[in-house]
Amino acid sequence: LFRSSLQAPRIDAGWSPALRPGDSFRDCAD
């Protein structure tokens, strides 16, 4: 899977103002 541009996707239950290299996230529980 790929997502380009580093603008605030959802990280589990919250939102991140910015993502940096090394950060991990998911858009939903599954």
mmCIF file of all heavy atoms, coordinates in Angstrom:
data_MODEL
# 
_entry.id   MODEL 
# 
loop_
_atom_site.group_PDB 
_atom_site.id 
_atom_site.type_symbol 
_atom_site.label_atom_id 
_atom_site.label_alt_id 
_atom_site.label_comp_id 
_atom_site.label_asym_id 
_atom_site.label_entity_id 
_atom_site.label_seq_id 
_atom_site.pdbx_PDB_ins_code 
_atom_site.Cartn_x 
_atom_site.Cartn_y 
_atom_site.Cartn_z 
_atom_site.occupancy 
_atom_site.B_iso_or_equiv 
_atom_site.pdbx_formal_charge 
_atom_site.auth_seq_id 
_atom_site.auth_comp_id 
_atom_site.auth_asym_id 
_atom_site.auth_atom_id 
_atom_site.pdbx_PDB_model_num 
ATOM 1   N N   . LEU A 1 1  ? 0.823   -1.207 0.000  1.00 0.00 ? 1  LEU A N   1 
ATOM 2   C CA  . LEU A 1 1  ? 0.000   0.000  0.000  1.00 0.00 ? 1  LEU A CA  1 
ATOM 3   C C   . LEU A 1 1  ? 0.850   1.247  0.000  1.00 0.00 ? 1  LEU A C   1 
ATOM 4   O O   . LEU A 1 1  ? 1.894   1.305  0.621  1.00 0.00 ? 1  LEU A O   1 
ATOM 5   C CB  . LEU A 1 1  ? -0.897  0.024  1.237  1.00 0.00 ? 1  LEU A CB  1 
ATOM 6   C CG  . LEU A 1 1  ? -2.180  -0.778 1.126  1.00 0.00 ? 1  LEU A CG  1 
ATOM 7   C CD1 . LEU A 1 1  ? -2.931  -0.698 2.429  1.00 0.00 ? 1  LEU A CD1 1 
ATOM 8   C CD2 . LEU A 1 1  ? -3.049  -0.287 -0.001 1.00 0.00 ? 1  LEU A CD2 1 
ATOM 9   N N   . PHE A 1 2  ? 0.344   2.275  -0.658 1.00 0.00 ? 2  PHE A N   1 
ATOM 10  C CA  . PHE A 1 2  ? 1.064   3.534  -0.766 1.00 0.00 ? 2  PHE A CA  1 
ATOM 11  C C   . PHE A 1 2  ? 0.133   4.699  -0.512 1.00 0.00 ? 2  PHE A C   1 
ATOM 12  O O   . PHE A 1 2  ? -1.007  4.706  -0.941 1.00 0.00 ? 2  PHE A O   1 
ATOM 13  C CB  . PHE A 1 2  ? 1.653   3.668  -2.168 1.00 0.00 ? 2  PHE A CB  1 
ATOM 14  C CG  . PHE A 1 2  ? 2.252   5.010  -2.452 1.00 0.00 ? 2  PHE A CG  1 
ATOM 15  C CD1 . PHE A 1 2  ? 3.575   5.252  -2.148 1.00 0.00 ? 2  PHE A CD1 1 
ATOM 16  C CD2 . PHE A 1 2  ? 1.498   6.019  -3.026 1.00 0.00 ? 2  PHE A CD2 1 
ATOM 17  C CE1 . PHE A 1 2  ? 4.136   6.495  -2.414 1.00 0.00 ? 2  PHE A CE1 1 
ATOM 18  C CE2 . PHE A 1 2  ? 2.053   7.258  -3.287 1.00 0.00 ? 2  PHE A CE2 1 
ATOM 19  C CZ  . PHE A 1 2  ? 3.374   7.486  -2.992 1.00 0.00 ? 2  PHE A CZ  1 
ATOM 20  N N   . ARG A 1 3  ? 0.618   5.707  0.233  1.00 0.00 ? 3  ARG A N   1 
ATOM 21  C CA  . ARG A 1 3  ? -0.068  6.988  0.341  1.00 0.00 ? 3  ARG A CA  1 
ATOM 22  C C   . ARG A 1 3  ? 0.999   8.069  0.198  1.00 0.00 ? 3  ARG A C   1 
ATOM 23  O O   . ARG A 1 3  ? 1.941   8.108  0.949  1.00 0.00 ? 3  ARG A O   1 
ATOM 24  C CB  . ARG A 1 3  ? -0.784  7.126  1.699  1.00 0.00 ? 3  ARG A CB  1 
ATOM 25  C CG  . ARG A 1 3  ? -1.927  6.175  1.850  1.00 0.00 ? 3  ARG A CG  1 
ATOM 26  C CD  . ARG A 1 3  ? -3.172  6.733  2.491  1.00 0.00 ? 3  ARG A CD  1 
ATOM 27  N NE  . ARG A 1 3  ? -3.064  7.124  3.858  1.00 0.00 ? 3  ARG A NE  1 
ATOM 28  C CZ  . ARG A 1 3  ? -3.614  8.240  4.329  1.00 0.00 ? 3  ARG A CZ  1 
ATOM 29  N NH1 . ARG A 1 3  ? -4.209  9.073  3.533  1.00 0.00 ? 3  ARG A NH1 1 
ATOM 30  N NH2 . ARG A 1 3  ? -3.553  8.526  5.591  1.00 0.00 ? 3  ARG A NH2 1 
ATOM 31  N N   . SER A 1 4  ? 0.844   9.007  -0.774 1.00 0.00 ? 4  SER A N   1 
ATOM 32  C CA  . SER A 1 4  ? 1.859   10.053 -0.986 1.00 0.00 ? 4  SER A CA  1 
ATOM 33  C C   . SER A 1 4  ? 1.554   11.263 -0.116 1.00 0.00 ? 4  SER A C   1 
ATOM 34  O O   . SER A 1 4  ? 0.897   11.159 0.821  1.00 0.00 ? 4  SER A O   1 
ATOM 35  C CB  . SER A 1 4  ? 1.927   10.433 -2.466 1.00 0.00 ? 4  SER A CB  1 
ATOM 36  O OG  . SER A 1 4  ? 0.748   10.997 -2.889 1.00 0.00 ? 4  SER A OG  1 
ATOM 37  N N   . SER A 1 5  ? 2.067   12.401 -0.160 1.00 0.00 ? 5  SER A N   1 
ATOM 38  C CA  . SER A 1 5  ? 1.784   13.615 0.623  1.00 0.00 ? 5  SER A CA  1 
ATOM 39  C C   . SER A 1 5  ? 1.595   13.346 2.110  1.00 0.00 ? 5  SER A C   1 
ATOM 40  O O   . SER A 1 5  ? 0.860   12.471 2.501  1.00 0.00 ? 5  SER A O   1 
ATOM 41  C CB  . SER A 1 5  ? 0.545   14.315 0.094  1.00 0.00 ? 5  SER A CB  1 
ATOM 42  O OG  . SER A 1 5  ? 0.107   15.307 0.964  1.00 0.00 ? 5  SER A OG  1 
ATOM 43  N N   . LEU A 1 6  ? 2.266   14.053 2.935  1.00 0.00 ? 6  LEU A N   1 
ATOM 44  C CA  . LEU A 1 6  ? 2.284   13.771 4.359  1.00 0.00 ? 6  LEU A CA  1 
ATOM 45  C C   . LEU A 1 6  ? 1.325   14.670 5.134  1.00 0.00 ? 6  LEU A C   1 
ATOM 46  O O   . LEU A 1 6  ? 1.714   15.355 6.064  1.00 0.00 ? 6  LEU A O   1 
ATOM 47  C CB  . LEU A 1 6  ? 3.701   13.931 4.907  1.00 0.00 ? 6  LEU A CB  1 
ATOM 48  C CG  . LEU A 1 6  ? 4.747   13.104 4.175  1.00 0.00 ? 6  LEU A CG  1 
ATOM 49  C CD1 . LEU A 1 6  ? 6.100   13.277 4.809  1.00 0.00 ? 6  LEU A CD1 1 
ATOM 50  C CD2 . LEU A 1 6  ? 4.353   11.644 4.148  1.00 0.00 ? 6  LEU A CD2 1 
ATOM 51  N N   . GLN A 1 7  ? 0.082   14.714 4.769  1.00 0.00 ? 7  GLN A N   1 
ATOM 52  C CA  . GLN A 1 7  ? -0.859  15.605 5.427  1.00 0.00 ? 7  GLN A CA  1 
ATOM 53  C C   . GLN A 1 7  ? -1.882  14.837 6.232  1.00 0.00 ? 7  GLN A C   1 
ATOM 54  O O   . GLN A 1 7  ? -2.744  14.177 5.705  1.00 0.00 ? 7  GLN A O   1 
ATOM 55  C CB  . GLN A 1 7  ? -1.564  16.506 4.399  1.00 0.00 ? 7  GLN A CB  1 
ATOM 56  C CG  . GLN A 1 7  ? -0.587  17.418 3.683  1.00 0.00 ? 7  GLN A CG  1 
ATOM 57  C CD  . GLN A 1 7  ? -1.269  18.352 2.741  1.00 0.00 ? 7  GLN A CD  1 
ATOM 58  O OE1 . GLN A 1 7  ? -2.478  18.287 2.572  1.00 0.00 ? 7  GLN A OE1 1 
ATOM 59  N NE2 . GLN A 1 7  ? -0.496  19.208 2.117  1.00 0.00 ? 7  GLN A NE2 1 
ATOM 60  N N   . ALA A 1 8  ? -1.741  14.927 7.495  1.00 0.00 ? 8  ALA A N   1 
ATOM 61  C CA  . ALA A 1 8  ? -2.686  14.538 8.543  1.00 0.00 ? 8  ALA A CA  1 
ATOM 62  C C   . ALA A 1 8  ? -3.697  13.473 8.217  1.00 0.00 ? 8  ALA A C   1 
ATOM 63  O O   . ALA A 1 8  ? -4.878  13.730 8.249  1.00 0.00 ? 8  ALA A O   1 
ATOM 64  C CB  . ALA A 1 8  ? -3.404  15.782 9.022  1.00 0.00 ? 8  ALA A CB  1 
ATOM 65  N N   . PRO A 1 9  ? -3.310  12.236 7.950  1.00 0.00 ? 9  PRO A N   1 
ATOM 66  C CA  . PRO A 1 9  ? -4.285  11.161 7.970  1.00 0.00 ? 9  PRO A CA  1 
ATOM 67  C C   . PRO A 1 9  ? -4.611  10.800 9.413  1.00 0.00 ? 9  PRO A C   1 
ATOM 68  O O   . PRO A 1 9  ? -3.925  11.221 10.344 1.00 0.00 ? 9  PRO A O   1 
ATOM 69  C CB  . PRO A 1 9  ? -3.563  10.019 7.271  1.00 0.00 ? 9  PRO A CB  1 
ATOM 70  C CG  . PRO A 1 9  ? -2.139  10.266 7.567  1.00 0.00 ? 9  PRO A CG  1 
ATOM 71  C CD  . PRO A 1 9  ? -1.974  11.753 7.643  1.00 0.00 ? 9  PRO A CD  1 
ATOM 72  N N   . ARG A 1 10 ? -5.649  10.007 9.600  1.00 0.00 ? 10 ARG A N   1 
ATOM 73  C CA  . ARG A 1 10 ? -6.026  9.611  10.944 1.00 0.00 ? 10 ARG A CA  1 
ATOM 74  C C   . ARG A 1 10 ? -5.027  8.598  11.482 1.00 0.00 ? 10 ARG A C   1 
ATOM 75  O O   . ARG A 1 10 ? -4.617  7.686  10.798 1.00 0.00 ? 10 ARG A O   1 
ATOM 76  C CB  . ARG A 1 10 ? -7.441  9.019  10.919 1.00 0.00 ? 10 ARG A CB  1 
ATOM 77  C CG  . ARG A 1 10 ? -8.016  8.792  12.289 1.00 0.00 ? 10 ARG A CG  1 
ATOM 78  C CD  . ARG A 1 10 ? -9.529  8.651  12.217 1.00 0.00 ? 10 ARG A CD  1 
ATOM 79  N NE  . ARG A 1 10 ? -9.938  7.582  11.350 1.00 0.00 ? 10 ARG A NE  1 
ATOM 80  C CZ  . ARG A 1 10 ? -10.842 7.741  10.381 1.00 0.00 ? 10 ARG A CZ  1 
ATOM 81  N NH1 . ARG A 1 10 ? -11.401 8.903  10.167 1.00 0.00 ? 10 ARG A NH1 1 
ATOM 82  N NH2 . ARG A 1 10 ? -11.187 6.721  9.630  1.00 0.00 ? 10 ARG A NH2 1 
ATOM 83  N N   . ILE A 1 11 ? -4.640  8.749  12.741 1.00 0.00 ? 11 ILE A N   1 
ATOM 84  C CA  . ILE A 1 11 ? -3.775  7.785  13.404 1.00 0.00 ? 11 ILE A CA  1 
ATOM 85  C C   . ILE A 1 11 ? -4.591  7.131  14.501 1.00 0.00 ? 11 ILE A C   1 
ATOM 86  O O   . ILE A 1 11 ? -4.847  7.715  15.542 1.00 0.00 ? 11 ILE A O   1 
ATOM 87  C CB  . ILE A 1 11 ? -2.526  8.464  13.987 1.00 0.00 ? 11 ILE A CB  1 
ATOM 88  C CG1 . ILE A 1 11 ? -1.752  9.165  12.863 1.00 0.00 ? 11 ILE A CG1 1 
ATOM 89  C CG2 . ILE A 1 11 ? -1.641  7.460  14.692 1.00 0.00 ? 11 ILE A CG2 1 
ATOM 90  C CD1 . ILE A 1 11 ? -0.503  9.835  13.322 1.00 0.00 ? 11 ILE A CD1 1 
ATOM 91  N N   . ASP A 1 12 ? -5.069  5.915  14.231 1.00 0.00 ? 12 ASP A N   1 
ATOM 92  C CA  . ASP A 1 12 ? -5.979  5.209  15.122 1.00 0.00 ? 12 ASP A CA  1 
ATOM 93  C C   . ASP A 1 12 ? -7.175  6.110  15.432 1.00 0.00 ? 12 ASP A C   1 
ATOM 94  O O   . ASP A 1 12 ? -7.888  6.490  14.538 1.00 0.00 ? 12 ASP A O   1 
ATOM 95  C CB  . ASP A 1 12 ? -5.249  4.750  16.380 1.00 0.00 ? 12 ASP A CB  1 
ATOM 96  C CG  . ASP A 1 12 ? -4.234  3.654  16.063 1.00 0.00 ? 12 ASP A CG  1 
ATOM 97  O OD1 . ASP A 1 12 ? -4.490  2.862  15.139 1.00 0.00 ? 12 ASP A OD1 1 
ATOM 98  O OD2 . ASP A 1 12 ? -3.206  3.589  16.731 1.00 0.00 ? 12 ASP A OD2 1 
ATOM 99  N N   . ALA A 1 13 ? -7.378  6.496  16.684 1.00 0.00 ? 13 ALA A N   1 
ATOM 100 C CA  . ALA A 1 13 ? -8.588  7.238  17.027 1.00 0.00 ? 13 ALA A CA  1 
ATOM 101 C C   . ALA A 1 13 ? -8.402  8.741  16.899 1.00 0.00 ? 13 ALA A C   1 
ATOM 102 O O   . ALA A 1 13 ? -9.362  9.485  17.048 1.00 0.00 ? 13 ALA A O   1 
ATOM 103 C CB  . ALA A 1 13 ? -9.017  6.906  18.454 1.00 0.00 ? 13 ALA A CB  1 
ATOM 104 N N   . GLY A 1 14 ? -7.196  9.228  16.656 1.00 0.00 ? 14 GLY A N   1 
ATOM 105 C CA  . GLY A 1 14 ? -6.980  10.668 16.663 1.00 0.00 ? 14 GLY A CA  1 
ATOM 106 C C   . GLY A 1 14 ? -6.467  11.188 15.335 1.00 0.00 ? 14 GLY A C   1 
ATOM 107 O O   . GLY A 1 14 ? -6.403  10.483 14.352 1.00 0.00 ? 14 GLY A O   1 
ATOM 108 N N   . TRP A 1 15 ? -6.092  12.450 15.329 1.00 0.00 ? 15 TRP A N   1 
ATOM 109 C CA  . TRP A 1 15 ? -5.546  13.085 14.136 1.00 0.00 ? 15 TRP A CA  1 
ATOM 110 C C   . TRP A 1 15 ? -4.175  13.641 14.465 1.00 0.00 ? 15 TRP A C   1 
ATOM 111 O O   . TRP A 1 15 ? -3.923  14.110 15.568 1.00 0.00 ? 15 TRP A O   1 
ATOM 112 C CB  . TRP A 1 15 ? -6.453  14.213 13.660 1.00 0.00 ? 15 TRP A CB  1 
ATOM 113 C CG  . TRP A 1 15 ? -7.672  13.717 12.985 1.00 0.00 ? 15 TRP A CG  1 
ATOM 114 C CD1 . TRP A 1 15 ? -8.836  13.302 13.576 1.00 0.00 ? 15 TRP A CD1 1 
ATOM 115 C CD2 . TRP A 1 15 ? -7.865  13.558 11.593 1.00 0.00 ? 15 TRP A CD2 1 
ATOM 116 N NE1 . TRP A 1 15 ? -9.736  12.896 12.641 1.00 0.00 ? 15 TRP A NE1 1 
ATOM 117 C CE2 . TRP A 1 15 ? -9.183  13.047 11.404 1.00 0.00 ? 15 TRP A CE2 1 
ATOM 118 C CE3 . TRP A 1 15 ? -7.069  13.787 10.474 1.00 0.00 ? 15 TRP A CE3 1 
ATOM 119 C CZ2 . TRP A 1 15 ? -9.706  12.774 10.157 1.00 0.00 ? 15 TRP A CZ2 1 
ATOM 120 C CZ3 . TRP A 1 15 ? -7.603  13.518 9.225  1.00 0.00 ? 15 TRP A CZ3 1 
ATOM 121 C CH2 . TRP A 1 15 ? -8.905  13.016 9.078  1.00 0.00 ? 15 TRP A CH2 1 
ATOM 122 N N   . SER A 1 16 ? -3.277  13.599 13.507 1.00 0.00 ? 16 SER A N   1 
ATOM 123 C CA  . SER A 1 16 ? -1.940  14.134 13.704 1.00 0.00 ? 16 SER A CA  1 
ATOM 124 C C   . SER A 1 16 ? -1.791  15.409 12.877 1.00 0.00 ? 16 SER A C   1 
ATOM 125 O O   . SER A 1 16 ? -2.172  15.427 11.711 1.00 0.00 ? 16 SER A O   1 
ATOM 126 C CB  . SER A 1 16 ? -0.901  13.108 13.245 1.00 0.00 ? 16 SER A CB  1 
ATOM 127 O OG  . SER A 1 16 ? 0.385   13.685 13.223 1.00 0.00 ? 16 SER A OG  1 
ATOM 128 N N   . PRO A 1 17 ? -1.224  16.473 13.434 1.00 0.00 ? 17 PRO A N   1 
ATOM 129 C CA  . PRO A 1 17 ? -1.045  17.693 12.658 1.00 0.00 ? 17 PRO A CA  1 
ATOM 130 C C   . PRO A 1 17 ? -0.011  17.530 11.558 1.00 0.00 ? 17 PRO A C   1 
ATOM 131 O O   . PRO A 1 17 ? -0.039  18.242 10.574 1.00 0.00 ? 17 PRO A O   1 
ATOM 132 C CB  . PRO A 1 17 ? -0.588  18.708 13.706 1.00 0.00 ? 17 PRO A CB  1 
ATOM 133 C CG  . PRO A 1 17 ? 0.032   17.874 14.781 1.00 0.00 ? 17 PRO A CG  1 
ATOM 134 C CD  . PRO A 1 17 ? -0.778  16.603 14.808 1.00 0.00 ? 17 PRO A CD  1 
ATOM 135 N N   . ALA A 1 18 ? 0.916   16.607 11.716 1.00 0.00 ? 18 ALA A N   1 
ATOM 136 C CA  . ALA A 1 18 ? 1.953   16.372 10.705 1.00 0.00 ? 18 ALA A CA  1 
ATOM 137 C C   . ALA A 1 18 ? 2.558   15.005 10.938 1.00 0.00 ? 18 ALA A C   1 
ATOM 138 O O   . ALA A 1 18 ? 2.641   14.526 12.063 1.00 0.00 ? 18 ALA A O   1 
ATOM 139 C CB  . ALA A 1 18 ? 3.031   17.449 10.796 1.00 0.00 ? 18 ALA A CB  1 
ATOM 140 N N   . LEU A 1 19 ? 2.969   14.384 9.854  1.00 0.00 ? 19 LEU A N   1 
ATOM 141 C CA  . LEU A 1 19 ? 3.633   13.084 9.947  1.00 0.00 ? 19 LEU A CA  1 
ATOM 142 C C   . LEU A 1 19 ? 5.060   13.236 9.477  1.00 0.00 ? 19 LEU A C   1 
ATOM 143 O O   . LEU A 1 19 ? 5.335   13.927 8.498  1.00 0.00 ? 19 LEU A O   1 
ATOM 144 C CB  . LEU A 1 19 ? 2.894   12.050 9.095  1.00 0.00 ? 19 LEU A CB  1 
ATOM 145 C CG  . LEU A 1 19 ? 1.564   11.578 9.664  1.00 0.00 ? 19 LEU A CG  1 
ATOM 146 C CD1 . LEU A 1 19 ? 0.815   10.768 8.627  1.00 0.00 ? 19 LEU A CD1 1 
ATOM 147 C CD2 . LEU A 1 19 ? 1.787   10.743 10.914 1.00 0.00 ? 19 LEU A CD2 1 
ATOM 148 N N   . ARG A 1 20 ? 5.961   12.554 10.164 1.00 0.00 ? 20 ARG A N   1 
ATOM 149 C CA  . ARG A 1 20 ? 7.371   12.616 9.831  1.00 0.00 ? 20 ARG A CA  1 
ATOM 150 C C   . ARG A 1 20 ? 7.864   11.226 9.461  1.00 0.00 ? 20 ARG A C   1 
ATOM 151 O O   . ARG A 1 20 ? 7.246   10.224 9.843  1.00 0.00 ? 20 ARG A O   1 
ATOM 152 C CB  . ARG A 1 20 ? 8.161   13.153 11.022 1.00 0.00 ? 20 ARG A CB  1 
ATOM 153 C CG  . ARG A 1 20 ? 7.792   14.572 11.430 1.00 0.00 ? 20 ARG A CG  1 
ATOM 154 C CD  . ARG A 1 20 ? 8.470   14.952 12.735 1.00 0.00 ? 20 ARG A CD  1 
ATOM 155 N NE  . ARG A 1 20 ? 8.035   14.096 13.831 1.00 0.00 ? 20 ARG A NE  1 
ATOM 156 C CZ  . ARG A 1 20 ? 8.520   14.172 15.063 1.00 0.00 ? 20 ARG A CZ  1 
ATOM 157 N NH1 . ARG A 1 20 ? 9.467   15.041 15.349 1.00 0.00 ? 20 ARG A NH1 1 
ATOM 158 N NH2 . ARG A 1 20 ? 8.058   13.372 16.010 1.00 0.00 ? 20 ARG A NH2 1 
ATOM 159 N N   . PRO A 1 21 ? 8.976   11.136 8.721  1.00 0.00 ? 21 PRO A N   1 
ATOM 160 C CA  . PRO A 1 21 ? 9.545   9.822  8.419  1.00 0.00 ? 21 PRO A CA  1 
ATOM 161 C C   . PRO A 1 21 ? 9.738   9.004  9.688  1.00 0.00 ? 21 PRO A C   1 
ATOM 162 O O   . PRO A 1 21 ? 10.255  9.482  10.688 1.00 0.00 ? 21 PRO A O   1 
ATOM 163 C CB  . PRO A 1 21 ? 10.890  10.172 7.767  1.00 0.00 ? 21 PRO A CB  1 
ATOM 164 C CG  . PRO A 1 21 ? 10.642  11.495 7.121  1.00 0.00 ? 21 PRO A CG  1 
ATOM 165 C CD  . PRO A 1 21 ? 9.732   12.228 8.071  1.00 0.00 ? 21 PRO A CD  1 
ATOM 166 N N   . GLY A 1 22 ? 9.259   7.792  9.642  1.00 0.00 ? 22 GLY A N   1 
ATOM 167 C CA  . GLY A 1 22 ? 9.315   6.911  10.797 1.00 0.00 ? 22 GLY A CA  1 
ATOM 168 C C   . GLY A 1 22 ? 7.993   6.780  11.514 1.00 0.00 ? 22 GLY A C   1 
ATOM 169 O O   . GLY A 1 22 ? 7.775   5.820  12.245 1.00 0.00 ? 22 GLY A O   1 
ATOM 170 N N   . ASP A 1 23 ? 7.086   7.753  11.322 1.00 0.00 ? 23 ASP A N   1 
ATOM 171 C CA  . ASP A 1 23 ? 5.763   7.678  11.949 1.00 0.00 ? 23 ASP A CA  1 
ATOM 172 C C   . ASP A 1 23 ? 4.924   6.586  11.291 1.00 0.00 ? 23 ASP A C   1 
ATOM 173 O O   . ASP A 1 23 ? 5.047   6.332  10.092 1.00 0.00 ? 23 ASP A O   1 
ATOM 174 C CB  . ASP A 1 23 ? 5.016   9.007  11.818 1.00 0.00 ? 23 ASP A CB  1 
ATOM 175 C CG  . ASP A 1 23 ? 5.604   10.101 12.689 1.00 0.00 ? 23 ASP A CG  1 
ATOM 176 O OD1 . ASP A 1 23 ? 6.399   9.769  13.590 1.00 0.00 ? 23 ASP A OD1 1 
ATOM 177 O OD2 . ASP A 1 23 ? 5.267   11.273 12.455 1.00 0.00 ? 23 ASP A OD2 1 
ATOM 178 N N   . SER A 1 24 ? 4.065   5.950  12.077 1.00 0.00 ? 24 SER A N   1 
ATOM 179 C CA  . SER A 1 24 ? 3.135   4.942  11.567 1.00 0.00 ? 24 SER A CA  1 
ATOM 180 C C   . SER A 1 24 ? 1.712   5.350  11.901 1.00 0.00 ? 24 SER A C   1 
ATOM 181 O O   . SER A 1 24 ? 1.470   6.056  12.883 1.00 0.00 ? 24 SER A O   1 
ATOM 182 C CB  . SER A 1 24 ? 3.439   3.564  12.161 1.00 0.00 ? 24 SER A CB  1 
ATOM 183 O OG  . SER A 1 24 ? 4.693   3.086  11.722 1.00 0.00 ? 24 SER A OG  1 
ATOM 184 N N   . PHE A 1 25 ? 0.772   4.901  11.105 1.00 0.00 ? 25 PHE A N   1 
ATOM 185 C CA  . PHE A 1 25 ? -0.632  5.237  11.314 1.00 0.00 ? 25 PHE A CA  1 
ATOM 186 C C   . PHE A 1 25 ? -1.498  4.206  10.609 1.00 0.00 ? 25 PHE A C   1 
ATOM 187 O O   . PHE A 1 25 ? -1.031  3.417  9.790  1.00 0.00 ? 25 PHE A O   1 
ATOM 188 C CB  . PHE A 1 25 ? -0.949  6.635  10.764 1.00 0.00 ? 25 PHE A CB  1 
ATOM 189 C CG  . PHE A 1 25 ? -0.832  6.735  9.266  1.00 0.00 ? 25 PHE A CG  1 
ATOM 190 C CD1 . PHE A 1 25 ? -1.925  6.487  8.444  1.00 0.00 ? 25 PHE A CD1 1 
ATOM 191 C CD2 . PHE A 1 25 ? 0.380   7.052  8.677  1.00 0.00 ? 25 PHE A CD2 1 
ATOM 192 C CE1 . PHE A 1 25 ? -1.809  6.556  7.058  1.00 0.00 ? 25 PHE A CE1 1 
ATOM 193 C CE2 . PHE A 1 25 ? 0.505   7.122  7.289  1.00 0.00 ? 25 PHE A CE2 1 
ATOM 194 C CZ  . PHE A 1 25 ? -0.595  6.879  6.490  1.00 0.00 ? 25 PHE A CZ  1 
ATOM 195 N N   . ARG A 1 26 ? -2.767  4.221  10.931 1.00 0.00 ? 26 ARG A N   1 
ATOM 196 C CA  . ARG A 1 26 ? -3.760  3.453  10.173 1.00 0.00 ? 26 ARG A CA  1 
ATOM 197 C C   . ARG A 1 26 ? -5.040  4.280  10.100 1.00 0.00 ? 26 ARG A C   1 
ATOM 198 O O   . ARG A 1 26 ? -5.333  5.052  11.003 1.00 0.00 ? 26 ARG A O   1 
ATOM 199 C CB  . ARG A 1 26 ? -3.995  2.076  10.765 1.00 0.00 ? 26 ARG A CB  1 
ATOM 200 C CG  . ARG A 1 26 ? -4.626  2.051  12.139 1.00 0.00 ? 26 ARG A CG  1 
ATOM 201 C CD  . ARG A 1 26 ? -5.048  0.638  12.509 1.00 0.00 ? 26 ARG A CD  1 
ATOM 202 N NE  . ARG A 1 26 ? -3.956  -0.164 13.008 1.00 0.00 ? 26 ARG A NE  1 
ATOM 203 C CZ  . ARG A 1 26 ? -3.957  -1.500 12.998 1.00 0.00 ? 26 ARG A CZ  1 
ATOM 204 N NH1 . ARG A 1 26 ? -4.959  -2.166 12.497 1.00 0.00 ? 26 ARG A NH1 1 
ATOM 205 N NH2 . ARG A 1 26 ? -2.947  -2.172 13.517 1.00 0.00 ? 26 ARG A NH2 1 
ATOM 206 N N   . ASP A 1 27 ? -5.808  4.085  9.043  1.00 0.00 ? 27 ASP A N   1 
ATOM 207 C CA  . ASP A 1 27 ? -7.001  4.894  8.807  1.00 0.00 ? 27 ASP A CA  1 
ATOM 208 C C   . ASP A 1 27 ? -8.258  4.309  9.430  1.00 0.00 ? 27 ASP A C   1 
ATOM 209 O O   . ASP A 1 27 ? -9.294  4.963  9.449  1.00 0.00 ? 27 ASP A O   1 
ATOM 210 C CB  . ASP A 1 27 ? -7.218  5.091  7.300  1.00 0.00 ? 27 ASP A CB  1 
ATOM 211 C CG  . ASP A 1 27 ? -6.269  6.131  6.723  1.00 0.00 ? 27 ASP A CG  1 
ATOM 212 O OD1 . ASP A 1 27 ? -6.022  7.142  7.408  1.00 0.00 ? 27 ASP A OD1 1 
ATOM 213 O OD2 . ASP A 1 27 ? -5.774  5.935  5.604  1.00 0.00 ? 27 ASP A OD2 1 
ATOM 214 N N   . CYS A 1 28 ? -8.208  3.073  9.913  1.00 0.00 ? 28 CYS A N   1 
ATOM 215 C CA  . CYS A 1 28 ? -9.340  2.460  10.602 1.00 0.00 ? 28 CYS A CA  1 
ATOM 216 C C   . CYS A 1 28 ? -8.814  1.263  11.387 1.00 0.00 ? 28 CYS A C   1 
ATOM 217 O O   . CYS A 1 28 ? -7.651  0.867  11.218 1.00 0.00 ? 28 CYS A O   1 
ATOM 218 C CB  . CYS A 1 28 ? -10.437 2.023  9.614  1.00 0.00 ? 28 CYS A CB  1 
ATOM 219 S SG  . CYS A 1 28 ? -9.956  0.673  8.519  1.00 0.00 ? 28 CYS A SG  1 
ATOM 220 N N   . ALA A 1 29 ? -9.657  0.700  12.238 1.00 0.00 ? 29 ALA A N   1 
ATOM 221 C CA  . ALA A 1 29 ? -9.198  -0.380 13.109 1.00 0.00 ? 29 ALA A CA  1 
ATOM 222 C C   . ALA A 1 29 ? -8.666  -1.581 12.335 1.00 0.00 ? 29 ALA A C   1 
ATOM 223 O O   . ALA A 1 29 ? -7.723  -2.244 12.765 1.00 0.00 ? 29 ALA A O   1 
ATOM 224 C CB  . ALA A 1 29 ? -10.336 -0.813 14.030 1.00 0.00 ? 29 ALA A CB  1 
ATOM 225 N N   . ASP A 1 30 ? -9.278  -1.885 11.185 1.00 0.00 ? 30 ASP A N   1 
ATOM 226 C CA  . ASP A 1 30 ? -8.861  -3.042 10.396 1.00 0.00 ? 30 ASP A CA  1 
ATOM 227 C C   . ASP A 1 30 ? -8.004  -2.659 9.198  1.00 0.00 ? 30 ASP A C   1 
ATOM 228 O O   . ASP A 1 30 ? -7.677  -3.516 8.374  1.00 0.00 ? 30 ASP A O   1 
ATOM 229 C CB  . ASP A 1 30 ? -10.098 -3.805 9.900  1.00 0.00 ? 30 ASP A CB  1 
ATOM 230 C CG  . ASP A 1 30 ? -10.833 -4.487 11.048 1.00 0.00 ? 30 ASP A CG  1 
ATOM 231 O OD1 . ASP A 1 30 ? -10.165 -4.838 12.035 1.00 0.00 ? 30 ASP A OD1 1 
ATOM 232 O OD2 . ASP A 1 30 ? -12.063 -4.654 10.950 1.00 0.00 ? 30 ASP A OD2 1 
# 
